[in-house]
Amino acid sequence: MNATTAPTSATTAATKEEDSTTTSFSSLHPDIIEAHILPRLDGPTLAATSCSSTTLHQLSSQDHLWSKKCHSTWPSTRSPRVCHVISTYPGGGPRNFFAHAFPLLEEDHSSSKLSRSSPSAPPPSELISAVDIHYKEKLIFSKVQETETVTGWFRCSPFRIDLLEPKDVIPTPIELPDGDDTCTVIFNDMTLSWILIDPIGRLAVNLSSHKPVTVQRHWLTGEVQVSFASILAAARGHVQCEIVVTCGVSEEGEMMQMREISLAIEDMDGMHRNGKECLGILQRAMGGKKGKGRNRVEEGQRMYKEYLEMKKERRERKVRTERTLDILCVAFGVSCFVGFLCFIFFR
């Protein structure tokens, strides 16, 4: 009798303990959850938490919570101009802005569809760039820059946005390691976010791969060129949106200094697109589907490698076509020469 009763009592006690554990979080006061727990979560975790229950959805959807999350993730968004865009962002304010600006862009548009379609909204008269660079999770550069897009000079010239003047030098905490490990250190520890915003249409997209896709050091000057990229669908294939950060060696020779931070768009033939073409490409990117944001580093590397493969195949196909044309031209020339000789000797 006692042997039968003992396990039952133990099971009941374990069940009660399990119930108290599972209900402990829901029994917390909402103010505690909102003030002390939710602010500690990162953006993707906070978004996942909002799907757990109705109460958590209500608490996790507060505008002030997502505004703080935007500002902590991208310090450049504290700018009054960007704050206004975030607060009035359609579809959910700061929460929807974060959902658009955090993940990479998905490649879900074929070039054939894009060639027949065009953005329904008029092109933006201005673009806002909110840029943040971190090294070892510490902010080393943050800037907001406004770029007008209505002048003929912008629309006809190659698209390019420079954040630094030619003589500007930004010191960084990047120390030069012993040996040739500078590129490896920067590749592993530097992250960049470049959010491009249409302030009129209230659209935004992050054009960076978050971590570098390539890091190269010049053998003579010692300058390090760090490249971030995103691959965008265009009417004729794909284009590469490349962000380049050029770092030089300080006069003391111990630290790195940022001397160039620029954004440009080039096609698969290595030609830079003009401003008018790029506005259409960027409009489609802003209105396109965004990824989940969890594996953006891996996705960025994968998309970049696939783009390089497409460029290689395109280049090889172009070489084969040119070689075939050369052979045809030579054959045509030889046949004309033989025909001319026959005409001379057999007339």
C-alpha atoms as a PDB file:
ATOM      1  CA  MET A   1       0.000   0.000   0.000  1.00  0.00           C
ATOM      2  CA  ASN A   2       2.789   2.385   0.936  1.00  0.00           C
ATOM      3  CA  ALA A   3       4.813   1.362  -2.135  1.00  0.00           C
ATOM      4  CA  THR A   4       1.916   2.289  -4.365  1.00  0.00           C
ATOM      5  CA  THR A   5       1.181   5.575  -2.596  1.00  0.00           C
ATOM      6  CA  ALA A   6       4.769   6.904  -2.603  1.00  0.00           C
ATOM      7  CA  PRO A   7       5.240   7.181  -6.397  1.00  0.00           C
ATOM      8  CA  THR A   8       1.812   8.743  -6.734  1.00  0.00           C
ATOM      9  CA  SER A   9       2.683  11.432  -4.211  1.00  0.00           C
ATOM     10  CA  ALA A  10       6.016  12.051  -5.913  1.00  0.00           C
ATOM     11  CA  THR A  11       4.312  12.349  -9.296  1.00  0.00           C
ATOM     12  CA  THR A  12       1.771  14.813  -7.907  1.00  0.00           C
ATOM     13  CA  ALA A  13       4.522  16.920  -6.366  1.00  0.00           C
ATOM     14  CA  ALA A  14       6.480  16.922  -9.638  1.00  0.00           C
ATOM     15  CA  THR A  15       3.351  17.926 -11.560  1.00  0.00           C
ATOM     16  CA  LYS A  16       2.692  20.816  -9.193  1.00  0.00           C
ATOM     17  CA  GLU A  17       6.292  21.949  -9.471  1.00  0.00           C
ATOM     18  CA  GLU A  18       6.106  21.771 -13.272  1.00  0.00           C
ATOM     19  CA  ASP A  19       2.856  23.752 -13.295  1.00  0.00           C
ATOM     20  CA  SER A  20       4.356  26.426 -11.077  1.00  0.00           C
ATOM     21  CA  THR A  21       7.354  26.659 -13.424  1.00  0.00           C
ATOM     22  CA  THR A  22       5.294  26.938 -16.581  1.00  0.00           C
ATOM     23  CA  THR A  23       2.980  29.560 -15.140  1.00  0.00           C
ATOM     24  CA  SER A  24       5.654  31.628 -13.412  1.00  0.00           C
ATOM     25  CA  PHE A  25       6.351  33.869 -16.421  1.00  0.00           C
ATOM     26  CA  SER A  26       2.700  34.520 -17.191  1.00  0.00           C
ATOM     27  CA  SER A  27       2.070  35.349 -13.556  1.00  0.00           C
ATOM     28  CA  LEU A  28       4.519  38.262 -13.701  1.00  0.00           C
ATOM     29  CA  HIS A  29       3.023  41.714 -13.684  1.00  0.00           C
ATOM     30  CA  PRO A  30       2.893  43.210 -17.215  1.00  0.00           C
ATOM     31  CA  ASP A  31       4.830  46.265 -16.038  1.00  0.00           C
ATOM     32  CA  ILE A  32       7.739  44.043 -15.005  1.00  0.00           C
ATOM     33  CA  ILE A  33       7.737  42.246 -18.352  1.00  0.00           C
ATOM     34  CA  GLU A  34       7.556  45.497 -20.314  1.00  0.00           C
ATOM     35  CA  ALA A  35      10.110  47.440 -18.267  1.00  0.00           C
ATOM     36  CA  HIS A  36      12.714  44.806 -17.349  1.00  0.00           C
ATOM     37  CA  ILE A  37      12.473  41.796 -19.685  1.00  0.00           C
ATOM     38  CA  LEU A  38      11.436  42.903 -23.165  1.00  0.00           C
ATOM     39  CA  PRO A  39      14.008  45.740 -23.444  1.00  0.00           C
ATOM     40  CA  ARG A  40      16.805  43.172 -22.946  1.00  0.00           C
ATOM     41  CA  LEU A  41      15.809  41.194 -26.059  1.00  0.00           C
ATOM     42  CA  ASP A  42      17.240  41.841 -29.495  1.00  0.00           C
ATOM     43  CA  GLY A  43      14.953  42.713 -32.397  1.00  0.00           C
ATOM     44  CA  PRO A  44      14.377  39.235 -33.895  1.00  0.00           C
ATOM     45  CA  THR A  45      13.834  37.688 -30.444  1.00  0.00           C
ATOM     46  CA  LEU A  46      11.409  40.462 -29.511  1.00  0.00           C
ATOM     47  CA  ALA A  47       9.458  39.871 -32.732  1.00  0.00           C
ATOM     48  CA  ALA A  48       9.293  36.135 -32.003  1.00  0.00           C
ATOM     49  CA  THR A  49       8.188  36.813 -28.438  1.00  0.00           C
ATOM     50  CA  SER A  50       5.249  38.873 -29.680  1.00  0.00           C
ATOM     51  CA  CYS A  51       3.854  35.735 -31.338  1.00  0.00           C
ATOM     52  CA  SER A  52       3.776  33.743 -28.089  1.00  0.00           C
ATOM     53  CA  SER A  53       0.532  35.057 -26.621  1.00  0.00           C
ATOM     54  CA  THR A  54      -1.976  37.879 -26.868  1.00  0.00           C
ATOM     55  CA  THR A  55      -0.571  39.588 -23.774  1.00  0.00           C
ATOM     56  CA  LEU A  56       3.024  39.423 -25.023  1.00  0.00           C
ATOM     57  CA  HIS A  57       1.910  40.638 -28.451  1.00  0.00           C
ATOM     58  CA  GLN A  58       0.345  43.721 -26.898  1.00  0.00           C
ATOM     59  CA  LEU A  59       3.385  44.398 -24.710  1.00  0.00           C
ATOM     60  CA  SER A  60       5.900  43.721 -27.497  1.00  0.00           C
ATOM     61  CA  SER A  61       4.183  46.014 -29.999  1.00  0.00           C
ATOM     62  CA  GLN A  62       4.647  49.259 -28.055  1.00  0.00           C
ATOM     63  CA  ASP A  63       6.095  52.020 -30.251  1.00  0.00           C
ATOM     64  CA  HIS A  64       8.444  53.323 -27.569  1.00  0.00           C
ATOM     65  CA  LEU A  65       9.943  49.831 -27.157  1.00  0.00           C
ATOM     66  CA  TRP A  66      10.701  49.481 -30.863  1.00  0.00           C
ATOM     67  CA  SER A  67      11.947  53.067 -31.093  1.00  0.00           C
ATOM     68  CA  LYS A  68      14.532  52.294 -28.423  1.00  0.00           C
ATOM     69  CA  LYS A  69      15.380  49.071 -30.259  1.00  0.00           C
ATOM     70  CA  CYS A  70      15.988  51.022 -33.495  1.00  0.00           C
ATOM     71  CA  HIS A  71      18.154  53.587 -31.722  1.00  0.00           C
ATOM     72  CA  SER A  72      20.225  50.977 -29.893  1.00  0.00           C
ATOM     73  CA  THR A  73      20.739  48.904 -33.043  1.00  0.00           C
ATOM     74  CA  TRP A  74      21.472  51.898 -35.297  1.00  0.00           C
ATOM     75  CA  PRO A  75      22.604  54.990 -33.333  1.00  0.00           C
ATOM     76  CA  SER A  76      22.295  57.074 -36.506  1.00  0.00           C
ATOM     77  CA  THR A  77      18.500  56.747 -36.284  1.00  0.00           C
ATOM     78  CA  ARG A  78      18.525  59.137 -33.326  1.00  0.00           C
ATOM     79  CA  SER A  79      18.726  61.954 -35.877  1.00  0.00           C
ATOM     80  CA  PRO A  80      15.544  64.093 -35.689  1.00  0.00           C
ATOM     81  CA  ARG A  81      14.895  63.623 -39.403  1.00  0.00           C
ATOM     82  CA  VAL A  82      15.131  59.825 -39.196  1.00  0.00           C
ATOM     83  CA  CYS A  83      13.147  59.770 -35.933  1.00  0.00           C
ATOM     84  CA  HIS A  84      10.285  61.489 -37.721  1.00  0.00           C
ATOM     85  CA  VAL A  85      10.355  58.902 -40.514  1.00  0.00           C
ATOM     86  CA  ILE A  86      10.391  56.048 -37.991  1.00  0.00           C
ATOM     87  CA  SER A  87       7.491  57.447 -35.950  1.00  0.00           C
ATOM     88  CA  THR A  88       5.328  57.868 -39.069  1.00  0.00           C
ATOM     89  CA  TYR A  89       6.442  54.697 -40.848  1.00  0.00           C
ATOM     90  CA  PRO A  90       3.379  52.991 -42.403  1.00  0.00           C
ATOM     91  CA  GLY A  91       2.126  49.618 -41.247  1.00  0.00           C
ATOM     92  CA  GLY A  92       3.284  49.772 -37.645  1.00  0.00           C
ATOM     93  CA  GLY A  93       5.649  52.676 -37.006  1.00  0.00           C
ATOM     94  CA  PRO A  94       9.014  51.754 -35.447  1.00  0.00           C
ATOM     95  CA  ARG A  95       8.208  48.035 -35.415  1.00  0.00           C
ATOM     96  CA  ASN A  96       7.646  47.937 -39.171  1.00  0.00           C
ATOM     97  CA  PHE A  97      10.703  50.117 -39.806  1.00  0.00           C
ATOM     98  CA  PHE A  98      12.835  47.618 -37.906  1.00  0.00           C
ATOM     99  CA  ALA A  99      11.308  44.752 -39.895  1.00  0.00           C
ATOM    100  CA  HIS A 100      12.304  46.482 -43.150  1.00  0.00           C
ATOM    101  CA  ALA A 101      15.738  47.765 -42.124  1.00  0.00           C
ATOM    102  CA  PHE A 102      17.175  44.789 -40.221  1.00  0.00           C
ATOM    103  CA  PRO A 103      17.135  41.821 -42.644  1.00  0.00           C
ATOM    104  CA  LEU A 104      18.684  41.433 -46.058  1.00  0.00           C
ATOM    105  CA  LEU A 105      16.604  41.779 -49.183  1.00  0.00           C
ATOM    106  CA  GLU A 106      15.251  38.543 -50.638  1.00  0.00           C
ATOM    107  CA  GLU A 107      15.870  37.731 -54.302  1.00  0.00           C
ATOM    108  CA  ASP A 108      12.336  36.903 -55.366  1.00  0.00           C
ATOM    109  CA  HIS A 109      12.005  38.962 -58.544  1.00  0.00           C
ATOM    110  CA  SER A 110      13.014  37.633 -61.936  1.00  0.00           C
ATOM    111  CA  SER A 111      14.560  40.012 -64.453  1.00  0.00           C
ATOM    112  CA  SER A 112      11.773  39.239 -66.956  1.00  0.00           C
ATOM    113  CA  LYS A 113       9.131  40.496 -64.525  1.00  0.00           C
ATOM    114  CA  LEU A 114      11.180  43.578 -63.699  1.00  0.00           C
ATOM    115  CA  SER A 115      11.659  44.448 -67.358  1.00  0.00           C
ATOM    116  CA  ARG A 116       7.894  44.716 -67.797  1.00  0.00           C
ATOM    117  CA  SER A 117       7.246  46.550 -64.540  1.00  0.00           C
ATOM    118  CA  SER A 118       8.229  49.885 -63.100  1.00  0.00           C
ATOM    119  CA  PRO A 119       7.728  51.483 -59.698  1.00  0.00           C
ATOM    120  CA  SER A 120       4.184  52.837 -59.376  1.00  0.00           C
ATOM    121  CA  ALA A 121       5.232  55.739 -57.132  1.00  0.00           C
ATOM    122  CA  PRO A 122       7.226  58.686 -58.516  1.00  0.00           C
ATOM    123  CA  PRO A 123      10.978  58.537 -57.854  1.00  0.00           C
ATOM    124  CA  PRO A 124      12.006  60.062 -54.525  1.00  0.00           C
ATOM    125  CA  SER A 125      13.279  63.620 -54.607  1.00  0.00           C
ATOM    126  CA  GLU A 126      15.655  62.842 -51.748  1.00  0.00           C
ATOM    127  CA  LEU A 127      17.379  59.876 -50.142  1.00  0.00           C
ATOM    128  CA  ILE A 128      18.553  59.651 -46.537  1.00  0.00           C
ATOM    129  CA  SER A 129      21.491  57.420 -45.636  1.00  0.00           C
ATOM    130  CA  ALA A 130      21.740  56.267 -42.008  1.00  0.00           C
ATOM    131  CA  VAL A 131      25.135  54.580 -41.623  1.00  0.00           C
ATOM    132  CA  ASP A 132      26.692  52.874 -38.587  1.00  0.00           C
ATOM    133  CA  ILE A 133      29.990  51.016 -38.393  1.00  0.00           C
ATOM    134  CA  HIS A 134      30.921  48.838 -35.415  1.00  0.00           C
ATOM    135  CA  TYR A 135      34.216  47.206 -34.558  1.00  0.00           C
ATOM    136  CA  LYS A 136      34.149  44.445 -31.954  1.00  0.00           C
ATOM    137  CA  GLU A 137      30.537  45.495 -31.222  1.00  0.00           C
ATOM    138  CA  LYS A 138      31.630  49.075 -30.394  1.00  0.00           C
ATOM    139  CA  LEU A 139      30.429  52.016 -32.467  1.00  0.00           C
ATOM    140  CA  ILE A 140      33.291  53.672 -34.382  1.00  0.00           C
ATOM    141  CA  PHE A 141      31.341  55.694 -36.974  1.00  0.00           C
ATOM    142  CA  SER A 142      27.778  56.996 -37.282  1.00  0.00           C
ATOM    143  CA  LYS A 143      26.382  59.491 -39.756  1.00  0.00           C
ATOM    144  CA  VAL A 144      23.160  60.582 -41.452  1.00  0.00           C
ATOM    145  CA  GLN A 145      23.467  62.128 -44.908  1.00  0.00           C
ATOM    146  CA  GLU A 146      20.800  63.531 -47.205  1.00  0.00           C
ATOM    147  CA  THR A 147      21.194  63.215 -50.985  1.00  0.00           C
ATOM    148  CA  GLU A 148      19.059  65.116 -53.490  1.00  0.00           C
ATOM    149  CA  THR A 149      17.960  63.163 -56.571  1.00  0.00           C
ATOM    150  CA  VAL A 150      16.204  65.726 -58.785  1.00  0.00           C
ATOM    151  CA  THR A 151      19.056  67.514 -60.561  1.00  0.00           C
ATOM    152  CA  GLY A 152      20.239  66.499 -63.991  1.00  0.00           C
ATOM    153  CA  TRP A 153      23.733  66.009 -62.628  1.00  0.00           C
ATOM    154  CA  PHE A 154      22.550  63.287 -60.235  1.00  0.00           C
ATOM    155  CA  ARG A 155      20.353  61.506 -62.769  1.00  0.00           C
ATOM    156  CA  CYS A 156      22.967  61.421 -65.555  1.00  0.00           C
ATOM    157  CA  SER A 157      26.112  60.800 -63.498  1.00  0.00           C
ATOM    158  CA  PRO A 158      27.168  57.414 -62.104  1.00  0.00           C
ATOM    159  CA  PHE A 159      25.328  56.765 -58.841  1.00  0.00           C
ATOM    160  CA  ARG A 160      27.629  57.279 -55.861  1.00  0.00           C
ATOM    161  CA  ILE A 161      27.214  58.510 -52.288  1.00  0.00           C
ATOM    162  CA  ASP A 162      30.326  59.570 -50.350  1.00  0.00           C
ATOM    163  CA  LEU A 163      30.136  60.073 -46.600  1.00  0.00           C
ATOM    164  CA  LEU A 164      33.614  61.564 -46.171  1.00  0.00           C
ATOM    165  CA  GLU A 165      35.296  64.495 -47.850  1.00  0.00           C
ATOM    166  CA  PRO A 166      38.634  63.805 -49.584  1.00  0.00           C
ATOM    167  CA  LYS A 167      40.624  65.251 -46.668  1.00  0.00           C
ATOM    168  CA  ASP A 168      38.522  63.731 -43.868  1.00  0.00           C
ATOM    169  CA  VAL A 169      40.207  61.177 -41.640  1.00  0.00           C
ATOM    170  CA  ILE A 170      38.286  59.218 -38.993  1.00  0.00           C
ATOM    171  CA  PRO A 171      40.459  57.564 -36.293  1.00  0.00           C
ATOM    172  CA  THR A 172      39.500  54.041 -35.285  1.00  0.00           C
ATOM    173  CA  PRO A 173      40.454  51.687 -32.438  1.00  0.00           C
ATOM    174  CA  ILE A 174      41.668  49.097 -34.974  1.00  0.00           C
ATOM    175  CA  GLU A 175      45.218  48.192 -33.997  1.00  0.00           C
ATOM    176  CA  LEU A 176      47.640  46.770 -36.530  1.00  0.00           C
ATOM    177  CA  PRO A 177      48.397  43.203 -35.468  1.00  0.00           C
ATOM    178  CA  ASP A 178      51.753  41.588 -35.914  1.00  0.00           C
ATOM    179  CA  GLY A 179      52.232  39.891 -39.248  1.00  0.00           C
ATOM    180  CA  ASP A 180      49.663  39.927 -42.049  1.00  0.00           C
ATOM    181  CA  ASP A 181      46.520  39.334 -39.979  1.00  0.00           C
ATOM    182  CA  THR A 182      45.002  42.796 -40.483  1.00  0.00           C
ATOM    183  CA  CYS A 183      42.545  41.633 -43.148  1.00  0.00           C
ATOM    184  CA  THR A 184      41.468  38.654 -41.047  1.00  0.00           C
ATOM    185  CA  VAL A 185      40.923  40.809 -37.960  1.00  0.00           C
ATOM    186  CA  ILE A 186      38.802  43.359 -39.831  1.00  0.00           C
ATOM    187  CA  PHE A 187      36.862  40.646 -41.640  1.00  0.00           C
ATOM    188  CA  ASN A 188      35.892  38.994 -38.358  1.00  0.00           C
ATOM    189  CA  ASP A 189      35.265  42.048 -36.177  1.00  0.00           C
ATOM    190  CA  MET A 190      33.830  44.855 -38.362  1.00  0.00           C
ATOM    191  CA  THR A 191      30.114  45.242 -39.126  1.00  0.00           C
ATOM    192  CA  LEU A 192      28.338  47.928 -41.130  1.00  0.00           C
ATOM    193  CA  SER A 193      24.743  49.000 -41.610  1.00  0.00           C
ATOM    194  CA  TRP A 194      23.669  51.320 -44.442  1.00  0.00           C
ATOM    195  CA  ILE A 195      19.942  52.048 -44.274  1.00  0.00           C
ATOM    196  CA  LEU A 196      18.664  53.937 -47.298  1.00  0.00           C
ATOM    197  CA  ILE A 197      15.412  55.798 -46.632  1.00  0.00           C
ATOM    198  CA  ASP A 198      12.849  57.412 -48.896  1.00  0.00           C
ATOM    199  CA  PRO A 199      11.462  60.099 -46.545  1.00  0.00           C
ATOM    200  CA  ILE A 200       8.500  60.930 -48.795  1.00  0.00           C
ATOM    201  CA  GLY A 201       7.359  57.409 -49.653  1.00  0.00           C
ATOM    202  CA  ARG A 202       8.227  56.180 -46.128  1.00  0.00           C
ATOM    203  CA  LEU A 203      10.280  53.202 -47.352  1.00  0.00           C
ATOM    204  CA  ALA A 204      13.611  51.830 -46.151  1.00  0.00           C
ATOM    205  CA  VAL A 205      16.079  49.083 -46.996  1.00  0.00           C
ATOM    206  CA  ASN A 206      19.429  47.982 -45.584  1.00  0.00           C
ATOM    207  CA  LEU A 207      21.960  47.775 -48.413  1.00  0.00           C
ATOM    208  CA  SER A 208      24.772  46.180 -46.403  1.00  0.00           C
ATOM    209  CA  SER A 209      25.753  42.540 -45.993  1.00  0.00           C
ATOM    210  CA  HIS A 210      26.319  43.330 -42.288  1.00  0.00           C
ATOM    211  CA  LYS A 211      29.790  41.747 -42.367  1.00  0.00           C
ATOM    212  CA  PRO A 212      32.395  42.237 -45.128  1.00  0.00           C
ATOM    213  CA  VAL A 213      32.318  40.115 -48.255  1.00  0.00           C
ATOM    214  CA  THR A 214      35.958  40.906 -49.093  1.00  0.00           C
ATOM    215  CA  VAL A 215      38.901  42.568 -47.322  1.00  0.00           C
ATOM    216  CA  GLN A 216      41.994  43.437 -49.355  1.00  0.00           C
ATOM    217  CA  ARG A 217      45.219  45.180 -48.382  1.00  0.00           C
ATOM    218  CA  HIS A 218      47.358  47.108 -50.876  1.00  0.00           C
ATOM    219  CA  TRP A 219      50.856  45.669 -50.917  1.00  0.00           C
ATOM    220  CA  LEU A 220      52.541  49.084 -51.334  1.00  0.00           C
ATOM    221  CA  THR A 221      50.508  51.686 -49.413  1.00  0.00           C
ATOM    222  CA  GLY A 222      49.190  49.344 -46.729  1.00  0.00           C
ATOM    223  CA  GLU A 223      45.620  50.648 -47.204  1.00  0.00           C
ATOM    224  CA  VAL A 224      42.870  48.170 -46.442  1.00  0.00           C
ATOM    225  CA  GLN A 225      39.720  48.127 -48.585  1.00  0.00           C
ATOM    226  CA  VAL A 226      36.723  46.581 -46.853  1.00  0.00           C
ATOM    227  CA  SER A 227      33.762  45.776 -49.108  1.00  0.00           C
ATOM    228  CA  PHE A 228      30.163  45.155 -48.075  1.00  0.00           C
ATOM    229  CA  ALA A 229      27.578  44.277 -50.695  1.00  0.00           C
ATOM    230  CA  SER A 230      23.992  43.433 -51.479  1.00  0.00           C
ATOM    231  CA  ILE A 231      22.716  41.974 -54.734  1.00  0.00           C
ATOM    232  CA  LEU A 232      19.670  43.669 -56.224  1.00  0.00           C
ATOM    233  CA  ALA A 233      17.444  42.525 -59.067  1.00  0.00           C
ATOM    234  CA  ALA A 234      17.391  44.809 -62.114  1.00  0.00           C
ATOM    235  CA  ALA A 235      15.645  44.870 -65.483  1.00  0.00           C
ATOM    236  CA  ARG A 236      18.657  43.284 -67.210  1.00  0.00           C
ATOM    237  CA  GLY A 237      20.018  40.735 -64.776  1.00  0.00           C
ATOM    238  CA  HIS A 238      21.353  41.754 -61.367  1.00  0.00           C
ATOM    239  CA  VAL A 239      23.418  44.600 -59.990  1.00  0.00           C
ATOM    240  CA  GLN A 240      25.809  44.833 -57.080  1.00  0.00           C
ATOM    241  CA  CYS A 241      25.301  47.531 -54.486  1.00  0.00           C
ATOM    242  CA  GLU A 242      28.834  47.877 -53.110  1.00  0.00           C
ATOM    243  CA  ILE A 243      29.816  49.738 -49.958  1.00  0.00           C
ATOM    244  CA  VAL A 244      33.551  50.393 -49.680  1.00  0.00           C
ATOM    245  CA  VAL A 245      35.363  51.426 -46.504  1.00  0.00           C
ATOM    246  CA  THR A 246      39.000  52.369 -47.108  1.00  0.00           C
ATOM    247  CA  CYS A 247      41.279  52.378 -44.076  1.00  0.00           C
ATOM    248  CA  GLY A 248      44.787  53.780 -44.078  1.00  0.00           C
ATOM    249  CA  VAL A 249      47.609  53.542 -41.583  1.00  0.00           C
ATOM    250  CA  SER A 250      48.004  56.414 -39.103  1.00  0.00           C
ATOM    251  CA  GLU A 251      51.171  58.510 -39.010  1.00  0.00           C
ATOM    252  CA  GLU A 252      52.337  56.630 -35.939  1.00  0.00           C
ATOM    253  CA  GLY A 253      51.895  53.386 -37.847  1.00  0.00           C
ATOM    254  CA  GLU A 254      49.969  51.669 -35.063  1.00  0.00           C
ATOM    255  CA  MET A 255      46.264  52.321 -35.785  1.00  0.00           C
ATOM    256  CA  MET A 256      43.944  52.335 -38.806  1.00  0.00           C
ATOM    257  CA  GLN A 257      42.050  55.427 -40.003  1.00  0.00           C
ATOM    258  CA  MET A 258      38.936  55.497 -42.175  1.00  0.00           C
ATOM    259  CA  ARG A 259      39.491  57.684 -45.232  1.00  0.00           C
ATOM    260  CA  GLU A 260      36.660  56.705 -47.533  1.00  0.00           C
ATOM    261  CA  ILE A 261      33.119  55.410 -47.051  1.00  0.00           C
ATOM    262  CA  SER A 262      31.129  55.224 -50.273  1.00  0.00           C
ATOM    263  CA  LEU A 263      28.161  53.518 -51.899  1.00  0.00           C
ATOM    264  CA  ALA A 264      27.936  52.708 -55.621  1.00  0.00           C
ATOM    265  CA  ILE A 265      25.943  50.395 -57.885  1.00  0.00           C
ATOM    266  CA  GLU A 266      27.455  48.503 -60.818  1.00  0.00           C
ATOM    267  CA  ASP A 267      26.063  45.919 -63.235  1.00  0.00           C
ATOM    268  CA  MET A 268      27.421  42.494 -64.118  1.00  0.00           C
ATOM    269  CA  ASP A 269      29.756  43.985 -66.732  1.00  0.00           C
ATOM    270  CA  GLY A 270      31.409  46.214 -64.115  1.00  0.00           C
ATOM    271  CA  MET A 271      29.741  49.383 -65.443  1.00  0.00           C
ATOM    272  CA  HIS A 272      28.367  51.889 -62.936  1.00  0.00           C
ATOM    273  CA  ARG A 273      24.678  52.710 -63.393  1.00  0.00           C
ATOM    274  CA  ASN A 274      23.547  56.332 -63.485  1.00  0.00           C
ATOM    275  CA  GLY A 275      21.353  57.968 -60.891  1.00  0.00           C
ATOM    276  CA  LYS A 276      18.119  57.685 -62.852  1.00  0.00           C
ATOM    277  CA  GLU A 277      18.468  53.933 -63.353  1.00  0.00           C
ATOM    278  CA  CYS A 278      19.532  53.381 -59.763  1.00  0.00           C
ATOM    279  CA  LEU A 279      16.497  55.211 -58.380  1.00  0.00           C
ATOM    280  CA  GLY A 280      14.209  52.652 -60.041  1.00  0.00           C
ATOM    281  CA  ILE A 281      16.337  49.759 -58.776  1.00  0.00           C
ATOM    282  CA  LEU A 282      16.366  51.129 -55.235  1.00  0.00           C
ATOM    283  CA  GLN A 283      12.611  51.791 -55.271  1.00  0.00           C
ATOM    284  CA  ARG A 284      11.960  48.158 -56.143  1.00  0.00           C
ATOM    285  CA  ALA A 285      14.414  47.069 -53.444  1.00  0.00           C
ATOM    286  CA  MET A 286      12.657  49.177 -50.807  1.00  0.00           C
ATOM    287  CA  GLY A 287       9.289  47.723 -51.733  1.00  0.00           C
ATOM    288  CA  GLY A 288      10.568  44.148 -52.131  1.00  0.00           C
ATOM    289  CA  LYS A 289      10.398  41.241 -49.721  1.00  0.00           C
ATOM    290  CA  LYS A 290      12.788  41.150 -46.783  1.00  0.00           C
ATOM    291  CA  GLY A 291      14.440  38.097 -45.300  1.00  0.00           C
ATOM    292  CA  LYS A 292      13.890  36.730 -41.809  1.00  0.00           C
ATOM    293  CA  GLY A 293      16.996  38.426 -40.416  1.00  0.00           C
ATOM    294  CA  ARG A 294      18.335  35.427 -38.522  1.00  0.00           C
ATOM    295  CA  ASN A 295      21.035  34.306 -40.971  1.00  0.00           C
ATOM    296  CA  ARG A 296      21.763  37.568 -42.747  1.00  0.00           C
ATOM    297  CA  VAL A 297      25.560  37.093 -42.639  1.00  0.00           C
ATOM    298  CA  GLU A 298      25.377  33.643 -44.229  1.00  0.00           C
ATOM    299  CA  GLU A 299      22.751  34.830 -46.716  1.00  0.00           C
ATOM    300  CA  GLY A 300      24.863  37.835 -47.660  1.00  0.00           C
ATOM    301  CA  GLN A 301      27.901  35.662 -48.326  1.00  0.00           C
ATOM    302  CA  ARG A 302      25.820  33.173 -50.311  1.00  0.00           C
ATOM    303  CA  MET A 303      24.211  35.832 -52.494  1.00  0.00           C
ATOM    304  CA  TYR A 304      27.569  37.470 -53.147  1.00  0.00           C
ATOM    305  CA  LYS A 305      29.177  34.162 -54.189  1.00  0.00           C
ATOM    306  CA  GLU A 306      26.258  33.389 -56.488  1.00  0.00           C
ATOM    307  CA  TYR A 307      26.600  36.841 -58.024  1.00  0.00           C
ATOM    308  CA  LEU A 308      30.314  36.258 -58.681  1.00  0.00           C
ATOM    309  CA  GLU A 309      29.449  32.952 -60.354  1.00  0.00           C
ATOM    310  CA  MET A 310      26.884  34.703 -62.560  1.00  0.00           C
ATOM    311  CA  LYS A 311      29.471  37.341 -63.488  1.00  0.00           C
ATOM    312  CA  LYS A 312      32.000  34.629 -64.335  1.00  0.00           C
ATOM    313  CA  GLU A 313      29.514  32.752 -66.515  1.00  0.00           C
ATOM    314  CA  ARG A 314      28.495  35.987 -68.229  1.00  0.00           C
ATOM    315  CA  ARG A 315      32.122  36.893 -68.902  1.00  0.00           C
ATOM    316  CA  GLU A 316      32.909  33.434 -70.279  1.00  0.00           C
ATOM    317  CA  ARG A 317      29.805  33.521 -72.472  1.00  0.00           C
ATOM    318  CA  LYS A 318      30.840  36.944 -73.770  1.00  0.00           C
ATOM    319  CA  VAL A 319      34.344  35.655 -74.560  1.00  0.00           C
ATOM    320  CA  ARG A 320      32.909  32.668 -76.435  1.00  0.00           C
ATOM    321  CA  THR A 321      30.610  34.936 -78.415  1.00  0.00           C
ATOM    322  CA  GLU A 322      33.447  37.287 -79.332  1.00  0.00           C
ATOM    323  CA  ARG A 323      35.641  34.328 -80.332  1.00  0.00           C
ATOM    324  CA  THR A 324      32.880  32.969 -82.560  1.00  0.00           C
ATOM    325  CA  LEU A 325      32.448  36.377 -84.187  1.00  0.00           C
ATOM    326  CA  ASP A 326      36.186  36.608 -84.760  1.00  0.00           C
ATOM    327  CA  ILE A 327      36.204  33.205 -86.457  1.00  0.00           C
ATOM    328  CA  LEU A 328      33.256  34.189 -88.652  1.00  0.00           C
ATOM    329  CA  CYS A 329      34.942  37.457 -89.592  1.00  0.00           C
ATOM    330  CA  VAL A 330      38.172  35.654 -90.502  1.00  0.00           C
ATOM    331  CA  ALA A 331      36.255  33.046 -92.497  1.00  0.00           C
ATOM    332  CA  PHE A 332      34.341  35.782 -94.316  1.00  0.00           C
ATOM    333  CA  GLY A 333      37.573  37.640 -95.070  1.00  0.00           C
ATOM    334  CA  VAL A 334      39.255  34.487 -96.385  1.00  0.00           C
ATOM    335  CA  SER A 335      36.267  33.623 -98.551  1.00  0.00           C
ATOM    336  CA  CYS A 336      36.247  37.160 -99.985  1.00  0.00           C
ATOM    337  CA  PHE A 337      39.959  36.936-100.692  1.00  0.00           C
ATOM    338  CA  VAL A 338      39.608  33.523-102.388  1.00  0.00           C
ATOM    339  CA  GLY A 339      36.688  34.808-104.416  1.00  0.00           C
ATOM    340  CA  PHE A 340      38.728  37.829-105.495  1.00  0.00           C
ATOM    341  CA  LEU A 341      41.628  35.564-106.595  1.00  0.00           C
ATOM    342  CA  CYS A 342      39.262  33.344-108.539  1.00  0.00           C
ATOM    343  CA  PHE A 343      37.820  36.399-110.233  1.00  0.00           C
ATOM    344  CA  ILE A 344      41.316  37.597-111.238  1.00  0.00           C
ATOM    345  CA  PHE A 345      42.626  34.297-112.598  1.00  0.00           C
ATOM    346  CA  PHE A 346      39.491  32.870-114.197  1.00  0.00           C
ATOM    347  CA  ARG A 347      37.812  35.865-115.749  1.00  0.00           C
END
